[in-house]
């Protein structure tokens, strides 16, 4: 019974770590998209002006 319990605990811990990583990467991804959009806007302004 104990090995199963510890196995579940390890699984939940790794799952928590994975979800944390996913949240962080999603935040970085949105930040990256924001920066990319701003750079594109600046390039368009430079090209038009």
N, C-alpha and C. Protein backbone atom coordinates (compact mmCIF):
# COMPACT_ATOMS: atom_id res chain seq x y z
N UNK A 1 0.83 -1.21 0.00
CA UNK A 1 0.00 0.00 0.00
C UNK A 1 0.86 1.26 0.00
N UNK A 2 1.92 1.27 0.76
CA UNK A 2 2.76 2.46 0.85
C UNK A 2 3.43 2.82 -0.47
N UNK A 3 3.99 1.85 -1.21
CA UNK A 3 4.62 2.24 -2.49
C UNK A 3 3.66 2.94 -3.43
N UNK A 4 2.42 2.50 -3.44
CA UNK A 4 1.41 3.13 -4.30
C UNK A 4 1.19 4.57 -3.88
N UNK A 5 1.10 4.79 -2.57
CA UNK A 5 0.88 6.13 -2.04
C UNK A 5 2.03 7.06 -2.41
N UNK A 6 3.26 6.58 -2.20
CA UNK A 6 4.42 7.42 -2.52
C UNK A 6 4.48 7.67 -4.02
N UNK A 7 4.10 6.68 -4.82
CA UNK A 7 4.08 6.84 -6.27
C UNK A 7 3.10 7.94 -6.67
N UNK A 8 1.92 7.94 -6.04
CA UNK A 8 0.93 8.98 -6.31
C UNK A 8 1.43 10.35 -5.89
N UNK A 9 2.11 10.40 -4.76
CA UNK A 9 2.64 11.68 -4.29
C UNK A 9 3.68 12.23 -5.26
N UNK A 10 4.57 11.36 -5.73
CA UNK A 10 5.59 11.79 -6.69
C UNK A 10 4.93 12.25 -7.98
N UNK A 11 3.91 11.52 -8.41
CA UNK A 11 3.20 11.91 -9.63
C UNK A 11 2.54 13.27 -9.49
N UNK A 12 1.91 13.51 -8.35
CA UNK A 12 1.25 14.80 -8.15
C UNK A 12 2.27 15.92 -8.08
N UNK A 13 3.43 15.65 -7.47
CA UNK A 13 4.48 16.66 -7.39
C UNK A 13 5.00 17.01 -8.77
N UNK A 14 5.27 15.99 -9.58
CA UNK A 14 5.76 16.25 -10.92
C UNK A 14 4.69 16.94 -11.76
N UNK A 15 3.42 16.59 -11.54
CA UNK A 15 2.32 17.24 -12.25
C UNK A 15 2.26 18.72 -11.90
N UNK A 16 2.44 19.03 -10.60
CA UNK A 16 2.44 20.42 -10.16
C UNK A 16 3.59 21.18 -10.81
N UNK A 17 4.76 20.55 -10.88
CA UNK A 17 5.90 21.19 -11.50
C UNK A 17 5.63 21.46 -12.98
N UNK A 18 5.01 20.49 -13.64
CA UNK A 18 4.70 20.65 -15.06
C UNK A 18 3.71 21.79 -15.28
N UNK A 19 2.69 21.86 -14.44
CA UNK A 19 1.71 22.93 -14.62
C UNK A 19 2.35 24.29 -14.35
N UNK A 20 3.25 24.34 -13.35
CA UNK A 20 3.96 25.59 -13.08
C UNK A 20 4.78 26.00 -14.29
N UNK A 21 5.48 25.03 -14.88
CA UNK A 21 6.29 25.31 -16.07
C UNK A 21 5.42 25.79 -17.21
N UNK A 22 4.26 25.16 -17.38
CA UNK A 22 3.35 25.56 -18.45
C UNK A 22 2.86 26.99 -18.25
N UNK A 23 2.55 27.34 -17.01
CA UNK A 23 2.10 28.71 -16.73
C UNK A 23 3.20 29.70 -17.05
N UNK A 24 4.44 29.37 -16.63
CA UNK A 24 5.55 30.27 -16.88
C UNK A 24 5.80 30.43 -18.36
N UNK A 25 5.81 29.32 -19.09
CA UNK A 25 6.09 29.39 -20.52
C UNK A 25 4.97 30.15 -21.24
N UNK A 26 3.74 29.99 -20.78
CA UNK A 26 2.63 30.73 -21.39
C UNK A 26 2.81 32.22 -21.18
N UNK A 27 3.26 32.58 -19.96
CA UNK A 27 3.47 34.00 -19.68
C UNK A 27 4.59 34.55 -20.56
N UNK A 28 5.68 33.78 -20.66
CA UNK A 28 6.78 34.23 -21.50
C UNK A 28 6.35 34.31 -22.96
N UNK A 29 5.51 33.38 -23.37
CA UNK A 29 5.07 33.36 -24.76
C UNK A 29 4.25 34.61 -25.08
N UNK A 30 3.34 34.98 -24.18
CA UNK A 30 2.53 36.17 -24.42
C UNK A 30 3.40 37.42 -24.40
N UNK A 31 4.40 37.43 -23.51
CA UNK A 31 5.33 38.56 -23.45
C UNK A 31 6.10 38.66 -24.76
N UNK A 32 6.55 37.52 -25.26
CA UNK A 32 7.30 37.48 -26.51
C UNK A 32 6.44 37.96 -27.67
N UNK A 33 5.18 37.53 -27.69
CA UNK A 33 4.28 37.98 -28.76
C UNK A 33 4.06 39.48 -28.69
N UNK A 34 3.94 40.01 -27.47
CA UNK A 34 3.75 41.44 -27.28
C UNK A 34 4.96 42.21 -27.82
N UNK A 35 6.16 41.74 -27.48
CA UNK A 35 7.38 42.40 -27.95
C UNK A 35 7.47 42.31 -29.47
N UNK A 36 7.12 41.14 -30.01
CA UNK A 36 7.18 40.97 -31.46
C UNK A 36 6.23 41.93 -32.16
N UNK A 37 5.02 42.08 -31.61
CA UNK A 37 4.05 43.00 -32.20
C UNK A 37 4.57 44.43 -32.17
N UNK A 38 5.17 44.82 -31.04
CA UNK A 38 5.69 46.17 -30.93
C UNK A 38 6.81 46.40 -31.93
N UNK A 39 7.68 45.42 -32.08
CA UNK A 39 8.77 45.55 -33.04
C UNK A 39 8.23 45.67 -34.46
N UNK A 40 7.22 44.88 -34.78
CA UNK A 40 6.61 44.96 -36.11
C UNK A 40 5.98 46.32 -36.32
N UNK A 41 5.31 46.85 -35.31
CA UNK A 41 4.70 48.18 -35.42
C UNK A 41 5.78 49.23 -35.67
N UNK A 42 6.88 49.14 -34.92
CA UNK A 42 7.96 50.10 -35.10
C UNK A 42 8.56 50.01 -36.49
N UNK A 43 8.73 48.79 -36.99
CA UNK A 43 9.26 48.61 -38.34
C UNK A 43 8.33 49.20 -39.37
N UNK A 44 7.03 48.98 -39.20
CA UNK A 44 6.05 49.54 -40.13
C UNK A 44 6.10 51.06 -40.12
N UNK A 45 6.22 51.64 -38.93
CA UNK A 45 6.31 53.10 -38.82
C UNK A 45 7.56 53.61 -39.53
N UNK A 46 8.67 52.91 -39.33
CA UNK A 46 9.92 53.32 -39.97
C UNK A 46 9.80 53.23 -41.48
N UNK A 47 9.20 52.14 -41.96
CA UNK A 47 9.07 51.95 -43.40
C UNK A 47 8.13 52.99 -44.01
N UNK A 48 7.04 53.30 -43.31
CA UNK A 48 6.09 54.27 -43.85
C UNK A 48 6.62 55.69 -43.73
N UNK A 49 7.24 55.99 -42.58
CA UNK A 49 7.75 57.34 -42.39
C UNK A 49 9.07 57.50 -43.08
